[in-house]
Amino acid sequence: MHVGLNAQLLDFTRTYRSGGISRYIYHLLVALRALDGPEEFTAFVGQLPADPALAPTPRFRLSAVGLPTRRPPVRIFWEQCLQPWALQRAGVDLLHSLAFAQPVLWRGPSVVSFMDLTFLRFPRAFNRANRVYLATMARAAVRRADHLLAISESTRWDLIRLLGAAPDRVTVTYCGADAGFRPLDGAAVATFRARHGLPEGYILYVGTLEPRKNVPRLLEAYALLRRLRGGAPPLVLVGARGWRHHGIDARLAALELDAHVRWLGYLPPAELPLCYNAAGLFVYPSLYEGFGLPPLEALACGTPVVTSNTSSLPEAVGDAALTVNPRDVRALAEAMARVLDDSALRTRLRAAGPRWAARFSWRQTAEQTLGVYRRLRS
């Protein structure tokens, strides 16, 4: 069986485009490449990345489409008009569309991955054209695809409730924590802190700065935390600026927190484990997630986590983290204070995190995905 994977959203830029969907695509491709079996894989990408983990093998290859598909109109044109021809020319037997949309003209077996349904749950976070396109393609995929993959039970139930997907046509394939996310040597962590001018035990947030990430409420909770305790470690924000992020800057200024909040911006993947290890507390009050990779990665590093009790996040963290209502600023501040002030709680969370995170691996994601391919071809 020759599987074609539409990986146009694989991105290596230092922007929000290299976030959630791109990371899912990257790790799935790397893990599929490493599996044994007779299947062949061709991943169609915008540009060939210089990454040895995606180097070609006798069973795995990348195919650059030769167009600037980072631009949405060009990507849509390739996906809908040129992709069927490219699949036929490559001899593909089954198409896996890795983000929402599959070509209308493809008539072979198909699988479509869904990260989340943000465009339906939080429509105001999208411009109208983008929202309409995503919703239209998602509904078409639910009708036409042979099988759907969801990265959490929460996303699976969103597909069933919001788009009418048949339950037996949706399989959950959780994301994983890469092996690089683990407790690290103290000297390496100290070197990272010194390089970026960071103090010990800071409070950390990692994620794209966009409306559903709830960063303005995080800032409000942090301001309240400082009042409740008479101070708090600095808050460090890591992540690229996404769409409609300007409210974060306004809230930061209004709360007069400039001296206590540091925005590091984008960090390369190799530095993220060090960043988690250097933190005394990781906070992720997102309103909605398809899975929630940053909290899982923080747990894998042994960093205490406070996160939301909504959407998929309880699935990602289990009982290894504190979960609160992300719209309740006081509850969020009090949860942070509990972790900072209770050494026994911190010790318990530090031990529980890596044990919980060990349940999730990208190899398992790839094996479950390959199992779906094989069922469709049997």
Protein backbone atom coordinates (compact mmCIF):
# COMPACT_ATOMS: atom_id res chain seq x y z
CA MET A 1 0.00 0.00 0.00
CA HIS A 2 1.27 3.44 -0.97
CA VAL A 3 0.00 6.20 1.36
CA GLY A 4 0.06 9.83 0.29
CA LEU A 5 0.04 12.46 3.03
CA ASN A 6 -0.90 16.07 2.42
CA ALA A 7 1.64 17.87 4.63
CA GLN A 8 1.36 21.39 3.24
CA LEU A 9 1.03 22.85 6.74
CA LEU A 10 4.41 21.49 7.82
CA ASP A 11 6.33 24.66 8.65
CA PHE A 12 9.79 25.42 10.02
CA THR A 13 9.56 29.22 10.26
CA ARG A 14 9.91 31.04 13.58
CA THR A 15 6.22 32.02 13.51
CA TYR A 16 2.87 30.75 14.78
CA ARG A 17 2.69 28.60 11.63
CA SER A 18 5.21 26.20 13.18
CA GLY A 19 2.86 25.56 16.12
CA GLY A 20 0.30 22.84 16.85
CA ILE A 21 -0.72 21.47 13.43
CA SER A 22 2.80 21.66 12.04
CA ARG A 23 4.21 19.87 15.08
CA TYR A 24 1.61 17.09 14.78
CA ILE A 25 2.48 16.65 11.10
CA TYR A 26 6.23 16.65 11.75
CA HIS A 27 6.17 14.10 14.56
CA LEU A 28 3.70 11.83 12.78
CA LEU A 29 5.85 11.78 9.64
CA VAL A 30 9.02 11.08 11.64
CA ALA A 31 7.31 8.25 13.52
CA LEU A 32 5.72 6.71 10.38
CA ARG A 33 9.13 6.79 8.69
CA ALA A 34 10.59 4.73 11.56
CA LEU A 35 7.93 1.98 11.55
CA ASP A 36 8.53 -1.44 10.04
CA GLY A 37 6.18 -2.77 7.39
CA PRO A 38 5.58 -3.04 3.67
CA GLU A 39 3.79 0.33 3.32
CA GLU A 40 5.28 3.20 1.34
CA PHE A 41 4.75 6.84 2.27
CA THR A 42 4.95 9.99 0.16
CA ALA A 43 4.41 13.25 2.02
CA PHE A 44 3.60 16.24 -0.18
CA VAL A 45 5.19 19.40 1.24
CA GLY A 46 5.62 22.99 0.14
CA GLN A 47 9.41 22.93 0.41
CA LEU A 48 11.87 20.18 1.24
CA PRO A 49 13.12 20.69 4.82
CA ALA A 50 16.78 20.21 5.73
CA ASP A 51 15.98 17.80 8.54
CA PRO A 52 17.71 14.42 8.81
CA ALA A 53 14.72 12.97 10.68
CA LEU A 54 12.76 13.31 7.41
CA ALA A 55 15.49 12.09 5.05
CA PRO A 56 14.27 9.71 2.33
CA THR A 57 14.36 5.94 2.80
CA PRO A 58 13.33 3.12 0.43
CA ARG A 59 9.79 3.40 1.89
CA PHE A 60 9.52 7.10 2.77
CA ARG A 61 9.95 10.24 0.73
CA LEU A 62 8.97 13.90 0.64
CA SER A 63 7.69 15.47 -2.56
CA ALA A 64 7.88 19.26 -2.91
CA VAL A 65 4.98 20.64 -4.92
CA GLY A 66 6.96 23.57 -6.34
CA LEU A 67 4.45 26.27 -5.40
CA PRO A 68 4.36 28.84 -2.54
CA THR A 69 1.67 26.89 -0.68
CA ARG A 70 2.33 28.83 2.53
CA ARG A 71 -0.05 31.35 0.97
CA PRO A 72 -3.60 30.04 1.62
CA PRO A 73 -5.02 30.70 -1.88
CA VAL A 74 -2.11 28.84 -3.48
CA ARG A 75 -2.42 25.96 -1.02
CA ILE A 76 -6.15 25.63 -1.65
CA PHE A 77 -5.55 25.68 -5.42
CA TRP A 78 -2.94 22.91 -5.11
CA GLU A 79 -5.05 20.82 -2.71
CA GLN A 80 -8.21 20.97 -4.76
CA CYS A 81 -6.99 21.21 -8.35
CA LEU A 82 -3.47 19.76 -8.60
CA GLN A 83 -3.29 17.29 -5.73
CA PRO A 84 -5.49 14.57 -7.33
CA TRP A 85 -3.23 14.55 -10.37
CA ALA A 86 -0.09 14.44 -8.18
CA LEU A 87 -1.51 11.52 -6.19
CA GLN A 88 -2.34 9.59 -9.34
CA ARG A 89 1.07 10.24 -10.86
CA ALA A 90 2.80 9.03 -7.66
CA GLY A 91 0.72 5.84 -7.59
CA VAL A 92 -0.92 6.61 -4.25
CA ASP A 93 -3.50 4.08 -3.02
CA LEU A 94 -4.76 5.96 0.06
CA LEU A 95 -4.75 9.67 0.89
CA HIS A 96 -4.28 11.00 4.41
CA SER A 97 -5.18 14.70 4.59
CA LEU A 98 -3.42 15.95 7.71
CA ALA A 99 -5.54 19.04 8.38
CA PHE A 100 -9.29 19.24 7.73
CA ALA A 101 -9.45 19.40 3.93
CA GLN A 102 -9.33 16.72 1.26
CA PRO A 103 -9.66 17.27 -2.51
CA VAL A 104 -13.20 17.03 -3.83
CA LEU A 105 -11.98 15.19 -6.94
CA TRP A 106 -10.15 12.40 -5.07
CA ARG A 107 -12.06 9.13 -5.43
CA GLY A 108 -9.72 6.73 -3.62
CA PRO A 109 -9.75 5.70 0.06
CA SER A 110 -9.15 8.64 2.37
CA VAL A 111 -8.39 9.57 5.98
CA VAL A 112 -8.66 13.10 7.37
CA SER A 113 -7.07 14.34 10.61
CA PHE A 114 -8.80 16.89 12.83
CA MET A 115 -6.82 18.81 15.46
CA ASP A 116 -9.82 20.73 16.75
CA LEU A 117 -12.95 22.57 15.63
CA THR A 118 -11.89 26.03 16.78
CA PHE A 119 -13.44 27.60 13.69
CA LEU A 120 -16.86 26.38 14.89
CA ARG A 121 -16.36 26.74 18.64
CA PHE A 122 -14.70 30.19 18.49
CA PRO A 123 -15.81 31.63 15.13
CA ARG A 124 -14.98 35.24 16.07
CA ALA A 125 -11.30 34.31 16.23
CA PHE A 126 -11.31 33.83 12.43
CA ASN A 127 -11.99 36.14 9.54
CA ARG A 128 -15.16 35.24 7.67
CA ALA A 129 -13.51 33.80 4.54
CA ASN A 130 -11.21 31.53 6.55
CA ARG A 131 -14.04 30.39 8.81
CA VAL A 132 -16.37 29.59 5.92
CA TYR A 133 -13.68 27.67 4.03
CA LEU A 134 -12.66 25.58 7.05
CA ALA A 135 -16.25 24.80 7.99
CA THR A 136 -17.12 23.85 4.40
CA MET A 137 -14.11 21.58 4.01
CA ALA A 138 -14.66 19.99 7.44
CA ARG A 139 -18.28 19.16 6.64
CA ALA A 140 -17.25 17.74 3.26
CA ALA A 141 -14.56 15.59 4.91
CA VAL A 142 -17.04 14.21 7.44
CA ARG A 143 -19.38 13.24 4.57
CA ARG A 144 -16.82 11.84 2.15
CA ALA A 145 -13.75 10.53 4.01
CA ASP A 146 -13.59 6.83 4.78
CA HIS A 147 -12.26 7.54 8.26
CA LEU A 148 -11.54 10.50 10.53
CA LEU A 149 -8.75 10.85 13.08
CA ALA A 150 -9.15 13.06 16.16
CA ILE A 151 -6.29 13.90 18.51
CA SER A 152 -8.46 13.60 21.65
CA GLU A 153 -11.82 12.28 22.83
CA SER A 154 -12.89 15.90 23.18
CA THR A 155 -12.24 16.53 19.48
CA ARG A 156 -13.90 13.23 18.59
CA TRP A 157 -17.09 14.27 20.37
CA ASP A 158 -16.95 17.70 18.74
CA LEU A 159 -16.91 15.94 15.35
CA ILE A 160 -19.89 13.82 16.36
CA ARG A 161 -21.94 16.61 17.96
CA LEU A 162 -21.11 19.56 15.73
CA LEU A 163 -20.64 17.88 12.34
CA GLY A 164 -22.69 14.69 12.68
CA ALA A 165 -19.80 12.28 12.21
CA ALA A 166 -20.71 8.62 12.74
CA PRO A 167 -18.98 7.49 15.96
CA ASP A 168 -17.59 4.31 14.37
CA ARG A 169 -15.84 6.40 11.70
CA VAL A 170 -13.78 8.46 14.16
CA THR A 171 -10.64 7.11 15.86
CA VAL A 172 -8.68 8.92 18.56
CA THR A 173 -4.91 9.05 18.00
CA TYR A 174 -3.44 11.10 20.84
CA CYS A 175 -0.39 13.28 20.34
CA GLY A 176 2.85 12.34 22.05
CA ALA A 177 5.62 13.83 24.13
CA ASP A 178 8.92 13.70 22.27
CA ALA A 179 11.74 11.91 24.10
CA GLY A 180 13.64 15.21 24.43
CA PHE A 181 11.08 16.41 26.97
CA ARG A 182 12.36 14.99 30.27
CA PRO A 183 14.03 16.19 33.47
CA LEU A 184 17.43 17.57 32.46
CA ASP A 185 20.80 18.11 34.06
CA GLY A 186 20.88 21.17 36.31
CA ALA A 187 24.01 22.60 34.71
CA ALA A 188 22.42 22.64 31.25
CA VAL A 189 19.32 24.30 32.68
CA ALA A 190 21.40 26.94 34.47
CA THR A 191 23.26 27.67 31.23
CA PHE A 192 19.92 28.17 29.45
CA ARG A 193 18.73 30.58 32.15
CA ALA A 194 21.95 32.56 31.99
CA ARG A 195 21.83 32.75 28.19
CA HIS A 196 18.36 34.29 28.28
CA GLY A 197 18.80 36.31 31.47
CA LEU A 198 16.08 34.39 33.35
CA PRO A 199 15.81 33.92 37.12
CA GLU A 200 15.27 30.62 38.89
CA GLY A 201 11.73 29.33 39.36
CA TYR A 202 9.88 31.62 36.95
CA ILE A 203 6.24 31.02 35.99
CA LEU A 204 6.02 29.90 32.37
CA TYR A 205 3.45 29.99 29.57
CA VAL A 206 4.19 28.41 26.16
CA GLY A 207 1.86 28.78 23.19
CA THR A 208 0.80 30.97 20.31
CA LEU A 209 -0.53 34.34 21.45
CA GLU A 210 -4.09 34.28 20.14
CA PRO A 211 -7.59 34.79 21.66
CA ARG A 212 -8.48 31.24 22.71
CA LYS A 213 -5.21 30.86 24.64
CA ASN A 214 -6.71 33.19 27.26
CA VAL A 215 -3.50 35.11 27.95
CA PRO A 216 -5.24 38.34 29.08
CA ARG A 217 -6.90 36.37 31.92
CA LEU A 218 -3.54 34.80 32.72
CA LEU A 219 -2.14 38.31 33.13
CA GLU A 220 -5.07 39.26 35.37
CA ALA A 221 -4.55 36.13 37.47
CA TYR A 222 -0.85 36.86 37.70
CA ALA A 223 -1.55 40.41 38.91
CA LEU A 224 -3.95 38.98 41.52
CA LEU A 225 -1.36 36.36 42.53
CA ARG A 226 1.15 39.13 43.24
CA ARG A 227 -1.40 40.88 45.45
CA LEU A 228 -2.38 37.67 47.28
CA ARG A 229 1.22 36.72 48.07
CA GLY A 230 2.86 40.12 48.19
CA GLY A 231 4.89 39.17 45.12
CA ALA A 232 5.54 36.27 42.78
CA PRO A 233 8.28 34.98 40.47
CA PRO A 234 8.39 36.64 37.04
CA LEU A 235 5.98 35.44 34.36
CA VAL A 236 7.69 34.37 31.12
CA LEU A 237 5.67 34.11 27.90
CA VAL A 238 7.10 31.91 25.14
CA GLY A 239 5.51 31.68 21.71
CA ALA A 240 4.99 33.49 18.45
CA ARG A 241 2.37 36.18 18.08
CA GLY A 242 -0.69 34.82 16.31
CA TRP A 243 -3.84 36.54 15.12
CA ARG A 244 -5.66 39.19 17.20
CA HIS A 245 -2.97 39.31 19.85
CA HIS A 246 -3.09 43.06 20.45
CA GLY A 247 -5.40 42.73 23.46
CA ILE A 248 -2.55 41.04 25.32
CA ASP A 249 -0.31 44.09 24.99
CA ALA A 250 -3.14 46.37 26.11
CA ARG A 251 -3.90 44.23 29.15
CA LEU A 252 -0.23 44.07 30.13
CA ALA A 253 -0.01 47.86 30.07
CA ALA A 254 -3.29 48.36 31.94
CA LEU A 255 -2.18 46.02 34.74
CA GLU A 256 1.22 47.74 35.00
CA LEU A 257 3.04 44.41 34.83
CA ASP A 258 5.78 45.37 32.37
CA ALA A 259 8.50 44.99 35.00
CA HIS A 260 7.34 41.50 35.97
CA VAL A 261 6.39 39.88 32.65
CA ARG A 262 8.94 38.83 30.03
CA TRP A 263 8.03 37.80 26.48
CA LEU A 264 10.73 35.58 24.96
CA GLY A 265 8.93 35.09 21.65
CA TYR A 266 9.60 32.01 19.56
CA LEU A 267 12.06 29.45 20.95
CA PRO A 268 13.62 26.72 18.76
CA PRO A 269 12.30 23.22 19.55
CA ALA A 270 15.70 22.19 20.95
CA GLU A 271 15.45 24.87 23.65
CA LEU A 272 11.91 24.13 24.80
CA PRO A 273 12.83 21.22 27.14
CA LEU A 274 15.38 23.50 28.84
CA CYS A 275 12.79 26.24 29.15
CA TYR A 276 10.27 23.91 30.82
CA ASN A 277 12.94 22.50 33.16
CA ALA A 278 14.03 25.97 34.24
CA ALA A 279 10.49 26.98 35.25
CA GLY A 280 9.09 26.58 38.74
CA LEU A 281 5.53 26.42 37.46
CA PHE A 282 3.86 26.06 34.05
CA VAL A 283 0.46 27.70 33.51
CA TYR A 284 -1.78 27.07 30.49
CA PRO A 285 -5.30 28.55 30.87
CA SER A 286 -6.47 27.92 27.30
CA LEU A 287 -10.21 28.10 26.66
CA TYR A 288 -10.16 25.31 24.09
CA GLU A 289 -7.62 22.79 22.81
CA GLY A 290 -7.74 19.85 20.46
CA PHE A 291 -5.15 18.17 22.67
CA GLY A 292 -2.75 20.52 24.47
CA LEU A 293 0.89 19.64 23.77
CA PRO A 294 2.58 22.26 26.00
CA PRO A 295 1.05 20.99 29.28
CA LEU A 296 2.01 17.40 28.41
CA GLU A 297 5.55 18.48 27.53
CA ALA A 298 5.85 20.40 30.81
CA LEU A 299 4.69 17.31 32.71
CA ALA A 300 7.27 15.20 30.89
CA CYS A 301 9.95 17.61 32.12
CA GLY A 302 8.77 17.29 35.71
CA THR A 303 7.47 20.86 35.91
CA PRO A 304 4.33 21.44 38.03
CA VAL A 305 1.37 22.39 35.82
CA VAL A 306 -1.78 24.45 36.30
CA THR A 307 -4.15 24.25 33.34
CA SER A 308 -7.80 24.41 32.30
CA ASN A 309 -10.52 21.91 33.15
CA THR A 310 -12.12 22.33 29.71
CA SER A 311 -12.07 20.60 26.30
CA SER A 312 -9.24 18.09 25.92
CA LEU A 313 -6.90 19.39 28.60
CA PRO A 314 -8.03 17.00 31.38
CA GLU A 315 -7.22 14.16 28.96
CA ALA A 316 -3.73 15.54 28.35
CA VAL A 317 -2.78 15.98 32.02
CA GLY A 318 -4.88 13.44 33.98
CA ASP A 319 -4.37 13.79 37.72
CA ALA A 320 -0.75 14.94 37.31
CA ALA A 321 -1.71 18.64 37.23
CA LEU A 322 -4.07 21.12 38.88
CA THR A 323 -7.02 22.02 36.65
CA VAL A 324 -9.30 25.05 37.06
CA ASN A 325 -12.03 26.95 35.25
CA PRO A 326 -10.02 29.11 32.79
CA ARG A 327 -12.59 31.92 32.98
CA ASP A 328 -12.21 32.21 36.77
CA VAL A 329 -9.32 34.58 37.39
CA ARG A 330 -9.32 34.06 41.17
CA ALA A 331 -9.34 30.26 40.84
CA LEU A 332 -6.38 30.46 38.48
CA ALA A 333 -4.45 32.78 40.83
CA GLU A 334 -5.20 30.59 43.85
CA ALA A 335 -4.07 27.44 42.01
CA MET A 336 -0.77 29.11 41.15
CA ALA A 337 -0.37 30.22 44.77
CA ARG A 338 -1.00 26.65 45.99
CA VAL A 339 1.82 25.27 43.87
CA LEU A 340 4.23 28.06 44.77
CA ASP A 341 3.55 27.84 48.51
CA ASP A 342 3.10 24.08 49.08
CA SER A 343 6.39 22.19 48.79
CA ALA A 344 4.71 18.80 49.28
CA LEU A 345 2.33 19.52 46.40
CA ARG A 346 5.22 20.59 44.17
CA THR A 347 7.09 17.39 44.98
CA ARG A 348 4.03 15.27 44.17
CA LEU A 349 3.42 17.04 40.86
CA ARG A 350 7.08 16.84 39.83
CA ALA A 351 7.04 13.07 40.36
CA ALA A 352 3.63 12.50 38.76
CA GLY A 353 4.31 14.48 35.58
CA PRO A 354 6.88 12.24 33.85
CA ARG A 355 4.96 9.10 34.83
CA TRP A 356 1.78 10.44 33.25
CA ALA A 357 3.51 11.78 30.13
CA ALA A 358 5.10 8.37 29.50
CA ARG A 359 1.64 7.14 28.45
CA PHE A 360 1.84 9.26 25.29
CA SER A 361 4.33 8.73 22.46
CA TRP A 362 4.50 9.67 18.80
CA ARG A 363 5.36 6.07 17.95
CA GLN A 364 2.02 5.05 19.44
CA THR A 365 0.33 7.79 17.38
CA ALA A 366 1.95 6.44 14.21
CA GLU A 367 1.10 2.81 15.01
CA GLN A 368 -2.56 3.66 15.59
CA THR A 369 -2.64 5.72 12.39
CA LEU A 370 -1.07 2.87 10.40
CA GLY A 371 -3.67 0.54 11.90
CA VAL A 372 -6.43 2.71 10.42
CA TYR A 373 -4.74 2.64 6.99
CA ARG A 374 -4.52 -1.14 7.09
CA ARG A 375 -8.17 -1.58 8.13
CA LEU A 376 -9.30 0.55 5.20
CA ARG A 377 -7.26 -1.54 2.76
CA SER A 378 -8.19 -4.94 4.16
